[in-house]
Amino acid sequence: MKRLKAIAVAILIILPLSAAVDDRYAMDSPYQSVAYSGRFYDMFANPAALPMMEVEPGLFALTVSASDSWNAADFGKGTMSFIQDQLWSIDATFISKYIALTASFGSEFDRVSPSSSNYDIYSSLKIELDAAYAFPHFSIGARISGGNQMVRRDKTMDNIGDVFVNAWLSPFDRDPGSEFFDLGVGAILELSPVSAGIYVGKLLTLKNNNLYLGWDTLAESTTVSLALEGGRFTREGDLMLVRPRLSFSITGLVDGSTRKIEAEGDITFQFLPDTDLTIALSYRELHHEWFSFNADNGYVSFFIRGGSSGFYGTIGLVFRATDFSSISPTISFSYIS
């Protein structure tokens, strides 16, 4: 009951804030699959994973992260060439067994041109409410998310001080047409060690300022996945030292121009019940045609995540499968109470 009251208060505080951003700058994580469940961060890929956590995480979680998307050819052009499409974000999640509320605040610096020191700077806040219920071996969930974003266009940044001033202290203008609203639904079937998941991200969405339900958005936003995962404990009840996971996912079931496939795997070294280290690797291919692989559209992700007693750190790198012309580094720190 106390947790539900805390979530209700958080909703009343956060909902009046109107600046939010959509997911176009979000970086996919090789730790997440719509078929995974059991760990705290699995619910961000599929809300159906919310009531299937192996360990109750607590009431609150906070994540601070930074990432960029670098074009290698653009380094050395302009005074701040190491900032090309940089994103800072703070994610706060209030959790109960069946409901979770997440508020994500972000500042994004999008360089106007490769040789320029001018940036379009976006300030955002995304609100996401998840609800789910679990039966034996099966869980269903729903997600409501929405908001818009604010922008300062063509602002000059010549030093680090300009970055902080524009991110936190300068006024922003409303970005017309940036409003979004999505209703998503998901489900997970778990027959250990195999599980299957599905998540429809846009069962209902905002289109031209009207709520829209259509086959095109349903097909584009649907992800199906199969996963294989080792148990947390041995048959004798001891903590499994090495715990692997594998997953294969397809997003976009009809149109090859929007279809994405992803094969991912990770290995977790469980040193103690609250101390572990996870190494993850994935291959993601955009614009995938059935049974026709094209590495030119592929991206490889390599991430390491480790921590203890609720404190976790993650570093990761995403790069093109064929060369290093496009590199996306990321770093994040999390605390789960």
C-alpha atoms as a PDB file:
ATOM      1  CA  MET A   1       0.000   0.000   0.000  1.00  0.00           C
ATOM      2  CA  LYS A   2       2.833   2.416   0.829  1.00  0.00           C
ATOM      3  CA  ARG A   3       4.378   1.781  -2.561  1.00  0.00           C
ATOM      4  CA  LEU A   4       1.099   2.444  -4.372  1.00  0.00           C
ATOM      5  CA  LYS A   5       0.726   5.716  -2.463  1.00  0.00           C
ATOM      6  CA  ALA A   6       4.255   6.734  -3.406  1.00  0.00           C
ATOM      7  CA  ILE A   7       3.571   6.012  -7.083  1.00  0.00           C
ATOM      8  CA  ALA A   8       0.317   7.985  -6.965  1.00  0.00           C
ATOM      9  CA  VAL A   9       2.127  10.985  -5.473  1.00  0.00           C
ATOM     10  CA  ALA A  10       4.841  10.737  -8.129  1.00  0.00           C
ATOM     11  CA  ILE A  11       2.203  10.724 -10.890  1.00  0.00           C
ATOM     12  CA  LEU A  12       0.613  13.883  -9.491  1.00  0.00           C
ATOM     13  CA  ILE A  13       4.003  15.590  -9.339  1.00  0.00           C
ATOM     14  CA  ILE A  14       5.337  14.544 -12.737  1.00  0.00           C
ATOM     15  CA  LEU A  15       2.303  14.666 -15.039  1.00  0.00           C
ATOM     16  CA  PRO A  16       2.051  18.490 -15.140  1.00  0.00           C
ATOM     17  CA  LEU A  17       5.517  18.619 -16.709  1.00  0.00           C
ATOM     18  CA  SER A  18       5.027  18.712 -20.464  1.00  0.00           C
ATOM     19  CA  ALA A  19       8.503  18.446 -21.985  1.00  0.00           C
ATOM     20  CA  ALA A  20       9.284  14.929 -23.201  1.00  0.00           C
ATOM     21  CA  VAL A  21      11.026  13.261 -26.106  1.00  0.00           C
ATOM     22  CA  ASP A  22      10.279  10.221 -28.267  1.00  0.00           C
ATOM     23  CA  ASP A  23      12.566   7.190 -28.664  1.00  0.00           C
ATOM     24  CA  ARG A  24      14.374   8.166 -31.863  1.00  0.00           C
ATOM     25  CA  TYR A  25      17.641   8.822 -29.996  1.00  0.00           C
ATOM     26  CA  ALA A  26      17.431   5.814 -27.672  1.00  0.00           C
ATOM     27  CA  MET A  27      20.184   3.240 -28.043  1.00  0.00           C
ATOM     28  CA  ASP A  28      19.156  -0.409 -28.000  1.00  0.00           C
ATOM     29  CA  SER A  29      20.854  -2.426 -25.306  1.00  0.00           C
ATOM     30  CA  PRO A  30      22.179  -5.964 -25.868  1.00  0.00           C
ATOM     31  CA  TYR A  31      20.923  -6.739 -22.346  1.00  0.00           C
ATOM     32  CA  GLN A  32      17.282  -6.367 -23.324  1.00  0.00           C
ATOM     33  CA  SER A  33      14.920  -8.686 -25.174  1.00  0.00           C
ATOM     34  CA  VAL A  34      11.120  -8.861 -25.079  1.00  0.00           C
ATOM     35  CA  ALA A  35      11.496 -12.549 -24.141  1.00  0.00           C
ATOM     36  CA  TYR A  36      13.761 -11.914 -21.126  1.00  0.00           C
ATOM     37  CA  SER A  37      12.447 -11.761 -17.574  1.00  0.00           C
ATOM     38  CA  GLY A  38      13.741 -12.021 -14.036  1.00  0.00           C
ATOM     39  CA  ARG A  39      16.009  -8.980 -13.861  1.00  0.00           C
ATOM     40  CA  PHE A  40      15.064  -5.397 -13.116  1.00  0.00           C
ATOM     41  CA  TYR A  41      15.962  -3.897 -16.490  1.00  0.00           C
ATOM     42  CA  ASP A  42      14.034  -6.554 -18.460  1.00  0.00           C
ATOM     43  CA  MET A  43      10.789  -4.636 -17.902  1.00  0.00           C
ATOM     44  CA  PHE A  44      12.037  -1.728 -20.037  1.00  0.00           C
ATOM     45  CA  ALA A  45      11.945  -3.997 -23.096  1.00  0.00           C
ATOM     46  CA  ASN A  46       8.593  -5.588 -22.237  1.00  0.00           C
ATOM     47  CA  PRO A  47       6.271  -4.459 -19.410  1.00  0.00           C
ATOM     48  CA  ALA A  48       5.120  -8.073 -19.017  1.00  0.00           C
ATOM     49  CA  ALA A  49       8.470  -8.749 -17.292  1.00  0.00           C
ATOM     50  CA  LEU A  50       7.562  -6.423 -14.383  1.00  0.00           C
ATOM     51  CA  PRO A  51       5.939  -9.034 -12.064  1.00  0.00           C
ATOM     52  CA  MET A  52       8.447 -11.754 -13.038  1.00  0.00           C
ATOM     53  CA  MET A  53      11.510 -10.366 -11.236  1.00  0.00           C
ATOM     54  CA  GLU A  54      13.568 -12.956  -9.386  1.00  0.00           C
ATOM     55  CA  VAL A  55      14.491 -10.527  -6.610  1.00  0.00           C
ATOM     56  CA  GLU A  56      12.212  -7.714  -5.441  1.00  0.00           C
ATOM     57  CA  PRO A  57      14.246  -4.622  -6.392  1.00  0.00           C
ATOM     58  CA  GLY A  58      12.820  -2.085  -3.922  1.00  0.00           C
ATOM     59  CA  LEU A  59      10.765   1.052  -4.350  1.00  0.00           C
ATOM     60  CA  PHE A  60      13.014   3.276  -6.436  1.00  0.00           C
ATOM     61  CA  ALA A  61      15.688   3.124  -9.156  1.00  0.00           C
ATOM     62  CA  LEU A  62      17.791   5.915 -10.630  1.00  0.00           C
ATOM     63  CA  THR A  63      19.989   5.791 -13.748  1.00  0.00           C
ATOM     64  CA  VAL A  64      22.293   8.505 -15.099  1.00  0.00           C
ATOM     65  CA  SER A  65      23.718   7.924 -18.575  1.00  0.00           C
ATOM     66  CA  ALA A  66      25.570   9.608 -21.428  1.00  0.00           C
ATOM     67  CA  SER A  67      26.023   8.500 -25.028  1.00  0.00           C
ATOM     68  CA  ASP A  68      27.019   9.857 -28.410  1.00  0.00           C
ATOM     69  CA  SER A  69      26.896   8.823 -32.053  1.00  0.00           C
ATOM     70  CA  TRP A  70      30.223   9.595 -33.695  1.00  0.00           C
ATOM     71  CA  ASN A  71      31.043   9.778 -37.378  1.00  0.00           C
ATOM     72  CA  ALA A  72      34.781   9.052 -37.454  1.00  0.00           C
ATOM     73  CA  ALA A  73      35.306  11.287 -40.489  1.00  0.00           C
ATOM     74  CA  ASP A  74      33.994  14.315 -38.554  1.00  0.00           C
ATOM     75  CA  PHE A  75      36.592  14.262 -35.766  1.00  0.00           C
ATOM     76  CA  GLY A  76      38.786  17.347 -35.828  1.00  0.00           C
ATOM     77  CA  LYS A  77      36.140  19.398 -37.620  1.00  0.00           C
ATOM     78  CA  GLY A  78      34.946  22.222 -35.390  1.00  0.00           C
ATOM     79  CA  THR A  79      36.020  23.092 -31.858  1.00  0.00           C
ATOM     80  CA  MET A  80      33.762  20.475 -30.192  1.00  0.00           C
ATOM     81  CA  SER A  81      34.067  17.599 -32.629  1.00  0.00           C
ATOM     82  CA  PHE A  82      33.781  15.044 -29.812  1.00  0.00           C
ATOM     83  CA  ILE A  83      30.144  16.154 -29.367  1.00  0.00           C
ATOM     84  CA  GLN A  84      28.208  15.119 -32.486  1.00  0.00           C
ATOM     85  CA  ASP A  85      24.852  13.724 -31.353  1.00  0.00           C
ATOM     86  CA  GLN A  86      25.357  13.536 -27.606  1.00  0.00           C
ATOM     87  CA  LEU A  87      22.610  12.585 -25.187  1.00  0.00           C
ATOM     88  CA  TRP A  88      22.552  12.927 -21.403  1.00  0.00           C
ATOM     89  CA  SER A  89      19.673  11.333 -19.548  1.00  0.00           C
ATOM     90  CA  ILE A  90      18.386  10.773 -16.034  1.00  0.00           C
ATOM     91  CA  ASP A  91      15.808   8.012 -15.529  1.00  0.00           C
ATOM     92  CA  ALA A  92      13.860   7.674 -12.280  1.00  0.00           C
ATOM     93  CA  THR A  93      11.593   4.661 -11.754  1.00  0.00           C
ATOM     94  CA  PHE A  94       9.077   4.072  -8.959  1.00  0.00           C
ATOM     95  CA  ILE A  95       8.316   0.371  -8.646  1.00  0.00           C
ATOM     96  CA  SER A  96       5.688  -1.893  -7.158  1.00  0.00           C
ATOM     97  CA  LYS A  97       5.053  -5.534  -7.959  1.00  0.00           C
ATOM     98  CA  TYR A  98       2.503  -4.818 -10.684  1.00  0.00           C
ATOM     99  CA  ILE A  99       2.975  -1.106 -11.507  1.00  0.00           C
ATOM    100  CA  ALA A 100       6.013   1.006 -12.389  1.00  0.00           C
ATOM    101  CA  LEU A 101       6.313   4.683 -13.259  1.00  0.00           C
ATOM    102  CA  THR A 102       9.379   6.008 -15.090  1.00  0.00           C
ATOM    103  CA  ALA A 103      10.298   9.626 -15.803  1.00  0.00           C
ATOM    104  CA  SER A 104      13.210  10.209 -18.202  1.00  0.00           C
ATOM    105  CA  PHE A 105      14.825  13.634 -18.510  1.00  0.00           C
ATOM    106  CA  GLY A 106      17.282  14.173 -21.360  1.00  0.00           C
ATOM    107  CA  SER A 107      19.459  16.802 -22.988  1.00  0.00           C
ATOM    108  CA  GLU A 108      20.561  16.136 -26.568  1.00  0.00           C
ATOM    109  CA  PHE A 109      23.140  18.079 -28.574  1.00  0.00           C
ATOM    110  CA  ASP A 110      22.711  17.593 -32.322  1.00  0.00           C
ATOM    111  CA  ARG A 111      25.487  19.253 -34.350  1.00  0.00           C
ATOM    112  CA  VAL A 112      24.103  21.302 -37.256  1.00  0.00           C
ATOM    113  CA  SER A 113      26.916  20.377 -39.681  1.00  0.00           C
ATOM    114  CA  PRO A 114      30.230  18.440 -39.399  1.00  0.00           C
ATOM    115  CA  SER A 115      32.434  21.554 -39.445  1.00  0.00           C
ATOM    116  CA  SER A 116      30.157  23.699 -37.291  1.00  0.00           C
ATOM    117  CA  SER A 117      30.226  24.591 -33.593  1.00  0.00           C
ATOM    118  CA  ASN A 118      26.477  25.225 -33.702  1.00  0.00           C
ATOM    119  CA  TYR A 119      23.988  22.749 -32.283  1.00  0.00           C
ATOM    120  CA  ASP A 120      20.283  22.156 -32.028  1.00  0.00           C
ATOM    121  CA  ILE A 121      19.766  21.446 -28.332  1.00  0.00           C
ATOM    122  CA  TYR A 122      16.763  19.472 -27.136  1.00  0.00           C
ATOM    123  CA  SER A 123      15.441  19.215 -23.598  1.00  0.00           C
ATOM    124  CA  SER A 124      13.045  16.389 -22.931  1.00  0.00           C
ATOM    125  CA  LEU A 125      11.004  14.555 -20.360  1.00  0.00           C
ATOM    126  CA  LYS A 126       9.296  11.256 -21.140  1.00  0.00           C
ATOM    127  CA  ILE A 127       6.657   9.725 -18.859  1.00  0.00           C
ATOM    128  CA  GLU A 128       6.065   5.963 -18.921  1.00  0.00           C
ATOM    129  CA  LEU A 129       3.555   3.970 -16.875  1.00  0.00           C
ATOM    130  CA  ASP A 130       3.739   0.157 -16.875  1.00  0.00           C
ATOM    131  CA  ALA A 131       1.223  -2.296 -15.472  1.00  0.00           C
ATOM    132  CA  ALA A 132       1.375  -6.097 -15.599  1.00  0.00           C
ATOM    133  CA  TYR A 133       0.055  -9.284 -14.043  1.00  0.00           C
ATOM    134  CA  ALA A 134       1.624 -12.744 -13.934  1.00  0.00           C
ATOM    135  CA  PHE A 135       0.120 -16.220 -13.990  1.00  0.00           C
ATOM    136  CA  PRO A 136       2.190 -19.410 -13.660  1.00  0.00           C
ATOM    137  CA  HIS A 137       4.613 -19.405 -16.617  1.00  0.00           C
ATOM    138  CA  PHE A 138       2.777 -16.493 -18.314  1.00  0.00           C
ATOM    139  CA  SER A 139       2.603 -12.728 -17.915  1.00  0.00           C
ATOM    140  CA  ILE A 140       0.803  -9.886 -19.677  1.00  0.00           C
ATOM    141  CA  GLY A 141       1.537  -6.178 -19.460  1.00  0.00           C
ATOM    142  CA  ALA A 142       0.673  -2.762 -20.857  1.00  0.00           C
ATOM    143  CA  ARG A 143       2.596   0.484 -21.219  1.00  0.00           C
ATOM    144  CA  ILE A 144       1.430   4.080 -21.619  1.00  0.00           C
ATOM    145  CA  SER A 145       4.056   6.658 -22.603  1.00  0.00           C
ATOM    146  CA  GLY A 146       3.888  10.206 -23.850  1.00  0.00           C
ATOM    147  CA  GLY A 147       5.166  13.771 -23.880  1.00  0.00           C
ATOM    148  CA  ASN A 148       6.950  16.226 -26.183  1.00  0.00           C
ATOM    149  CA  GLN A 149      10.201  18.172 -26.289  1.00  0.00           C
ATOM    150  CA  MET A 150      11.679  21.659 -26.093  1.00  0.00           C
ATOM    151  CA  VAL A 151      14.421  23.021 -28.365  1.00  0.00           C
ATOM    152  CA  ARG A 152      17.027  25.741 -28.761  1.00  0.00           C
ATOM    153  CA  ARG A 153      18.116  25.844 -32.398  1.00  0.00           C
ATOM    154  CA  ASP A 154      21.484  26.757 -33.890  1.00  0.00           C
ATOM    155  CA  LYS A 155      23.277  27.635 -30.648  1.00  0.00           C
ATOM    156  CA  THR A 156      27.064  28.104 -30.596  1.00  0.00           C
ATOM    157  CA  MET A 157      29.094  25.925 -28.211  1.00  0.00           C
ATOM    158  CA  ASP A 158      32.840  26.627 -28.151  1.00  0.00           C
ATOM    159  CA  ASN A 159      33.738  25.141 -24.762  1.00  0.00           C
ATOM    160  CA  ILE A 160      32.494  22.798 -22.048  1.00  0.00           C
ATOM    161  CA  GLY A 161      30.942  25.690 -20.122  1.00  0.00           C
ATOM    162  CA  ASP A 162      28.639  26.392 -23.070  1.00  0.00           C
ATOM    163  CA  VAL A 163      27.460  22.779 -22.935  1.00  0.00           C
ATOM    164  CA  PHE A 164      26.286  22.993 -19.320  1.00  0.00           C
ATOM    165  CA  VAL A 165      24.779  26.464 -19.732  1.00  0.00           C
ATOM    166  CA  ASN A 166      22.696  25.394 -22.731  1.00  0.00           C
ATOM    167  CA  ALA A 167      21.689  22.101 -21.133  1.00  0.00           C
ATOM    168  CA  TRP A 168      20.499  23.420 -17.768  1.00  0.00           C
ATOM    169  CA  LEU A 169      20.304  27.204 -17.612  1.00  0.00           C
ATOM    170  CA  SER A 170      19.122  28.569 -20.958  1.00  0.00           C
ATOM    171  CA  PRO A 171      15.446  28.952 -21.921  1.00  0.00           C
ATOM    172  CA  PHE A 172      13.976  26.617 -24.528  1.00  0.00           C
ATOM    173  CA  ASP A 173      11.242  27.013 -27.116  1.00  0.00           C
ATOM    174  CA  ARG A 174       8.464  24.510 -27.657  1.00  0.00           C
ATOM    175  CA  ASP A 175       9.110  22.143 -30.581  1.00  0.00           C
ATOM    176  CA  PRO A 176       5.812  21.987 -32.526  1.00  0.00           C
ATOM    177  CA  GLY A 177       4.781  18.531 -33.664  1.00  0.00           C
ATOM    178  CA  SER A 178       7.024  16.733 -31.186  1.00  0.00           C
ATOM    179  CA  GLU A 179       4.126  15.502 -29.041  1.00  0.00           C
ATOM    180  CA  PHE A 180       3.734  11.754 -28.859  1.00  0.00           C
ATOM    181  CA  PHE A 181       1.561   9.195 -27.101  1.00  0.00           C
ATOM    182  CA  ASP A 182       1.769   5.412 -27.336  1.00  0.00           C
ATOM    183  CA  LEU A 183      -0.133   2.532 -25.812  1.00  0.00           C
ATOM    184  CA  GLY A 184       1.753  -0.757 -25.956  1.00  0.00           C
ATOM    185  CA  VAL A 185       0.969  -4.302 -24.841  1.00  0.00           C
ATOM    186  CA  GLY A 186       3.195  -7.319 -24.270  1.00  0.00           C
ATOM    187  CA  ALA A 187       3.253 -10.915 -23.108  1.00  0.00           C
ATOM    188  CA  ILE A 188       5.865 -13.469 -22.022  1.00  0.00           C
ATOM    189  CA  LEU A 189       5.541 -17.251 -21.946  1.00  0.00           C
ATOM    190  CA  GLU A 190       8.221 -18.909 -19.828  1.00  0.00           C
ATOM    191  CA  LEU A 191       8.880 -22.633 -19.828  1.00  0.00           C
ATOM    192  CA  SER A 192      12.355 -22.620 -18.330  1.00  0.00           C
ATOM    193  CA  PRO A 193      14.932 -22.612 -19.835  1.00  0.00           C
ATOM    194  CA  VAL A 194      13.002 -21.434 -22.941  1.00  0.00           C
ATOM    195  CA  SER A 195      10.860 -18.323 -23.126  1.00  0.00           C
ATOM    196  CA  ALA A 196       8.967 -16.448 -25.837  1.00  0.00           C
ATOM    197  CA  GLY A 197       7.873 -12.832 -25.837  1.00  0.00           C
ATOM    198  CA  ILE A 198       5.899 -10.370 -27.902  1.00  0.00           C
ATOM    199  CA  TYR A 199       5.562  -6.621 -27.537  1.00  0.00           C
ATOM    200  CA  VAL A 200       3.418  -4.287 -29.646  1.00  0.00           C
ATOM    201  CA  GLY A 201       4.762  -0.803 -29.011  1.00  0.00           C
ATOM    202  CA  LYS A 202       2.022   1.140 -30.786  1.00  0.00           C
ATOM    203  CA  LEU A 203      -1.295  -0.561 -30.306  1.00  0.00           C
ATOM    204  CA  LEU A 204      -2.630   2.996 -30.127  1.00  0.00           C
ATOM    205  CA  THR A 205      -0.551   6.028 -31.091  1.00  0.00           C
ATOM    206  CA  LEU A 206      -0.761   9.769 -31.727  1.00  0.00           C
ATOM    207  CA  LYS A 207      -0.738  10.656 -35.411  1.00  0.00           C
ATOM    208  CA  ASN A 208      -1.431  14.157 -36.770  1.00  0.00           C
ATOM    209  CA  ASN A 209      -2.611  15.145 -33.272  1.00  0.00           C
ATOM    210  CA  ASN A 210      -5.234  12.371 -33.324  1.00  0.00           C
ATOM    211  CA  LEU A 211      -5.252   8.954 -31.689  1.00  0.00           C
ATOM    212  CA  TYR A 212      -4.626   6.357 -34.383  1.00  0.00           C
ATOM    213  CA  LEU A 213      -5.107   2.591 -34.559  1.00  0.00           C
ATOM    214  CA  GLY A 214      -3.864   1.041 -37.792  1.00  0.00           C
ATOM    215  CA  TRP A 215      -2.299  -2.097 -39.190  1.00  0.00           C
ATOM    216  CA  ASP A 216       0.771  -0.187 -40.415  1.00  0.00           C
ATOM    217  CA  THR A 217       1.823   1.029 -36.957  1.00  0.00           C
ATOM    218  CA  LEU A 218       0.926  -2.321 -35.391  1.00  0.00           C
ATOM    219  CA  ALA A 219       3.155  -4.220 -37.820  1.00  0.00           C
ATOM    220  CA  GLU A 220       6.061  -1.785 -37.589  1.00  0.00           C
ATOM    221  CA  SER A 221       6.110  -1.726 -33.783  1.00  0.00           C
ATOM    222  CA  THR A 222       5.634  -5.449 -33.105  1.00  0.00           C
ATOM    223  CA  THR A 223       8.618  -7.400 -31.780  1.00  0.00           C
ATOM    224  CA  VAL A 224       8.648 -11.163 -31.330  1.00  0.00           C
ATOM    225  CA  SER A 225      11.485 -12.968 -29.604  1.00  0.00           C
ATOM    226  CA  LEU A 226      12.685 -16.371 -28.441  1.00  0.00           C
ATOM    227  CA  ALA A 227      15.194 -16.758 -25.620  1.00  0.00           C
ATOM    228  CA  LEU A 228      17.189 -19.422 -23.820  1.00  0.00           C
ATOM    229  CA  GLU A 229      18.419 -18.728 -20.299  1.00  0.00           C
ATOM    230  CA  GLY A 230      20.280 -20.585 -17.602  1.00  0.00           C
ATOM    231  CA  GLY A 231      18.784 -20.787 -14.113  1.00  0.00           C
ATOM    232  CA  ARG A 232      19.903 -18.613 -11.212  1.00  0.00           C
ATOM    233  CA  PHE A 233      20.563 -21.574  -8.929  1.00  0.00           C
ATOM    234  CA  THR A 234      21.932 -25.087  -9.343  1.00  0.00           C
ATOM    235  CA  ARG A 235      19.829 -28.126  -8.511  1.00  0.00           C
ATOM    236  CA  GLU A 236      21.506 -28.187  -5.114  1.00  0.00           C
ATOM    237  CA  GLY A 237      20.321 -24.634  -4.407  1.00  0.00           C
ATOM    238  CA  ASP A 238      23.710 -22.957  -4.824  1.00  0.00           C
ATOM    239  CA  LEU A 239      24.114 -19.752  -6.799  1.00  0.00           C
ATOM    240  CA  MET A 240      25.118 -20.502 -10.391  1.00  0.00           C
ATOM    241  CA  LEU A 241      28.517 -18.886 -10.996  1.00  0.00           C
ATOM    242  CA  VAL A 242      28.172 -18.638 -14.790  1.00  0.00           C
ATOM    243  CA  ARG A 243      24.721 -17.856 -16.139  1.00  0.00           C
ATOM    244  CA  PRO A 244      24.221 -17.459 -19.933  1.00  0.00           C
ATOM    245  CA  ARG A 245      21.326 -15.972 -21.933  1.00  0.00           C
ATOM    246  CA  LEU A 246      20.616 -16.016 -25.680  1.00  0.00           C
ATOM    247  CA  SER A 247      17.880 -14.279 -27.643  1.00  0.00           C
ATOM    248  CA  PHE A 248      16.768 -13.734 -31.235  1.00  0.00           C
ATOM    249  CA  SER A 249      14.240 -11.000 -32.061  1.00  0.00           C
ATOM    250  CA  ILE A 250      12.416  -9.620 -35.088  1.00  0.00           C
ATOM    251  CA  THR A 251      10.806  -6.180 -35.140  1.00  0.00           C
ATOM    252  CA  GLY A 252       8.562  -5.136 -38.037  1.00  0.00           C
ATOM    253  CA  LEU A 253       6.752  -8.140 -39.455  1.00  0.00           C
ATOM    254  CA  VAL A 254       5.659  -6.924 -42.893  1.00  0.00           C
ATOM    255  CA  ASP A 255       7.774  -4.174 -44.470  1.00  0.00           C
ATOM    256  CA  GLY A 256      11.477  -4.836 -45.005  1.00  0.00           C
ATOM    257  CA  SER A 257      12.250  -1.117 -44.925  1.00  0.00           C
ATOM    258  CA  THR A 258      11.282  -0.998 -41.239  1.00  0.00           C
ATOM    259  CA  ARG A 259      12.197  -4.565 -40.247  1.00  0.00           C
ATOM    260  CA  LYS A 260      14.988  -5.150 -37.740  1.00  0.00           C
ATOM    261  CA  ILE A 261      16.513  -8.384 -36.485  1.00  0.00           C
ATOM    262  CA  GLU A 262      18.731  -8.835 -33.464  1.00  0.00           C
ATOM    263  CA  ALA A 263      20.736 -11.760 -32.108  1.00  0.00           C
ATOM    264  CA  GLU A 264      22.142 -11.181 -28.646  1.00  0.00           C
ATOM    265  CA  GLY A 265      23.710 -13.021 -25.801  1.00  0.00           C
ATOM    266  CA  ASP A 266      25.204 -12.311 -22.415  1.00  0.00           C
ATOM    267  CA  ILE A 267      27.039 -14.141 -19.668  1.00  0.00           C
ATOM    268  CA  THR A 268      26.557 -13.183 -16.022  1.00  0.00           C
ATOM    269  CA  PHE A 269      29.117 -14.100 -13.379  1.00  0.00           C
ATOM    270  CA  GLN A 270      27.171 -14.310 -10.111  1.00  0.00           C
ATOM    271  CA  PHE A 271      29.766 -13.838  -7.372  1.00  0.00           C
ATOM    272  CA  LEU A 272      27.191 -13.169  -4.626  1.00  0.00           C
ATOM    273  CA  PRO A 273      23.390 -12.809  -4.603  1.00  0.00           C
ATOM    274  CA  ASP A 274      23.806  -9.019  -4.923  1.00  0.00           C
ATOM    275  CA  THR A 275      27.169  -8.880  -6.749  1.00  0.00           C
ATOM    276  CA  ASP A 276      27.586  -9.769 -10.417  1.00  0.00           C
ATOM    277  CA  LEU A 277      29.286  -8.926 -13.699  1.00  0.00           C
ATOM    278  CA  THR A 278      27.587  -9.293 -17.092  1.00  0.00           C
ATOM    279  CA  ILE A 279      29.236  -9.220 -20.529  1.00  0.00           C
ATOM    280  CA  ALA A 280      26.878  -8.801 -23.492  1.00  0.00           C
ATOM    281  CA  LEU A 281      27.277  -8.955 -27.265  1.00  0.00           C
ATOM    282  CA  SER A 282      24.692  -8.430 -30.000  1.00  0.00           C
ATOM    283  CA  TYR A 283      24.285  -8.087 -33.761  1.00  0.00           C
ATOM    284  CA  ARG A 284      21.498  -5.849 -35.008  1.00  0.00           C
ATOM    285  CA  GLU A 285      20.532  -5.483 -38.671  1.00  0.00           C
ATOM    286  CA  LEU A 286      18.239  -2.752 -39.973  1.00  0.00           C
ATOM    287  CA  HIS A 287      16.121  -2.915 -43.158  1.00  0.00           C
ATOM    288  CA  HIS A 288      16.326  -6.696 -43.093  1.00  0.00           C
ATOM    289  CA  GLU A 289      14.861  -8.720 -45.945  1.00  0.00           C
ATOM    290  CA  TRP A 290      13.751 -12.251 -45.112  1.00  0.00           C
ATOM    291  CA  PHE A 291      16.672 -14.725 -45.275  1.00  0.00           C
ATOM    292  CA  SER A 292      18.923 -12.087 -46.869  1.00  0.00           C
ATOM    293  CA  PHE A 293      21.575 -10.761 -44.503  1.00  0.00           C
ATOM    294  CA  ASN A 294      23.354  -7.510 -45.315  1.00  0.00           C
ATOM    295  CA  ALA A 295      26.236  -6.578 -43.027  1.00  0.00           C
ATOM    296  CA  ASP A 296      26.232  -3.035 -44.459  1.00  0.00           C
ATOM    297  CA  ASN A 297      23.040  -2.499 -42.444  1.00  0.00           C
ATOM    298  CA  GLY A 298      24.411  -4.280 -39.393  1.00  0.00           C
ATOM    299  CA  TYR A 299      25.642  -2.988 -36.035  1.00  0.00           C
ATOM    300  CA  VAL A 300      27.597  -4.797 -33.319  1.00  0.00           C
ATOM    301  CA  SER A 301      27.149  -3.932 -29.630  1.00  0.00           C
ATOM    302  CA  PHE A 302      29.518  -4.841 -26.812  1.00  0.00           C
ATOM    303  CA  PHE A 303      28.557  -3.955 -23.231  1.00  0.00           C
ATOM    304  CA  ILE A 304      29.897  -4.690 -19.735  1.00  0.00           C
ATOM    305  CA  ARG A 305      27.728  -4.200 -16.655  1.00  0.00           C
ATOM    306  CA  GLY A 306      28.706  -4.858 -13.076  1.00  0.00           C
ATOM    307  CA  GLY A 307      27.902  -3.854  -9.548  1.00  0.00           C
ATOM    308  CA  SER A 308      27.030  -4.726  -6.000  1.00  0.00           C
ATOM    309  CA  SER A 309      24.456  -3.844  -3.325  1.00  0.00           C
ATOM    310  CA  GLY A 310      22.224  -1.933  -5.729  1.00  0.00           C
ATOM    311  CA  PHE A 311      24.977   0.162  -7.362  1.00  0.00           C
ATOM    312  CA  TYR A 312      25.733  -0.685 -11.000  1.00  0.00           C
ATOM    313  CA  GLY A 313      27.880   0.739 -13.787  1.00  0.00           C
ATOM    314  CA  THR A 314      27.656   0.025 -17.509  1.00  0.00           C
ATOM    315  CA  ILE A 315      29.972   0.832 -20.400  1.00  0.00           C
ATOM    316  CA  GLY A 316      29.180  -0.030 -23.995  1.00  0.00           C
ATOM    317  CA  LEU A 317      30.184   0.464 -27.591  1.00  0.00           C
ATOM    318  CA  VAL A 318      28.104   0.144 -30.760  1.00  0.00           C
ATOM    319  CA  PHE A 319      29.794   0.167 -34.179  1.00  0.00           C
ATOM    320  CA  ARG A 320      29.022  -0.724 -37.771  1.00  0.00           C
ATOM    321  CA  ALA A 321      29.528  -4.384 -38.613  1.00  0.00           C
ATOM    322  CA  THR A 322      31.664  -3.608 -41.678  1.00  0.00           C
ATOM    323  CA  ASP A 323      33.927  -0.831 -40.353  1.00  0.00           C
ATOM    324  CA  PHE A 324      34.379   1.745 -37.586  1.00  0.00           C
ATOM    325  CA  SER A 325      33.027   4.707 -39.563  1.00  0.00           C
ATOM    326  CA  SER A 326      30.152   5.009 -37.076  1.00  0.00           C
ATOM    327  CA  ILE A 327      30.837   4.525 -33.360  1.00  0.00           C
ATOM    328  CA  SER A 328      28.416   5.007 -30.461  1.00  0.00           C
ATOM    329  CA  PRO A 329      29.883   4.875 -26.932  1.00  0.00           C
ATOM    330  CA  THR A 330      27.690   4.873 -23.838  1.00  0.00           C
ATOM    331  CA  ILE A 331      28.214   4.936 -20.087  1.00  0.00           C
ATOM    332  CA  SER A 332      25.671   4.759 -17.281  1.00  0.00           C
ATOM    333  CA  PHE A 333      25.415   4.448 -13.519  1.00  0.00           C
ATOM    334  CA  SER A 334      22.405   3.035 -11.672  1.00  0.00           C
ATOM    335  CA  TYR A 335      21.182   2.723  -8.132  1.00  0.00           C
ATOM    336  CA  ILE A 336      18.327   0.373  -7.233  1.00  0.00           C
ATOM    337  CA  SER A 337      17.054   0.765  -3.684  1.00  0.00           C
END
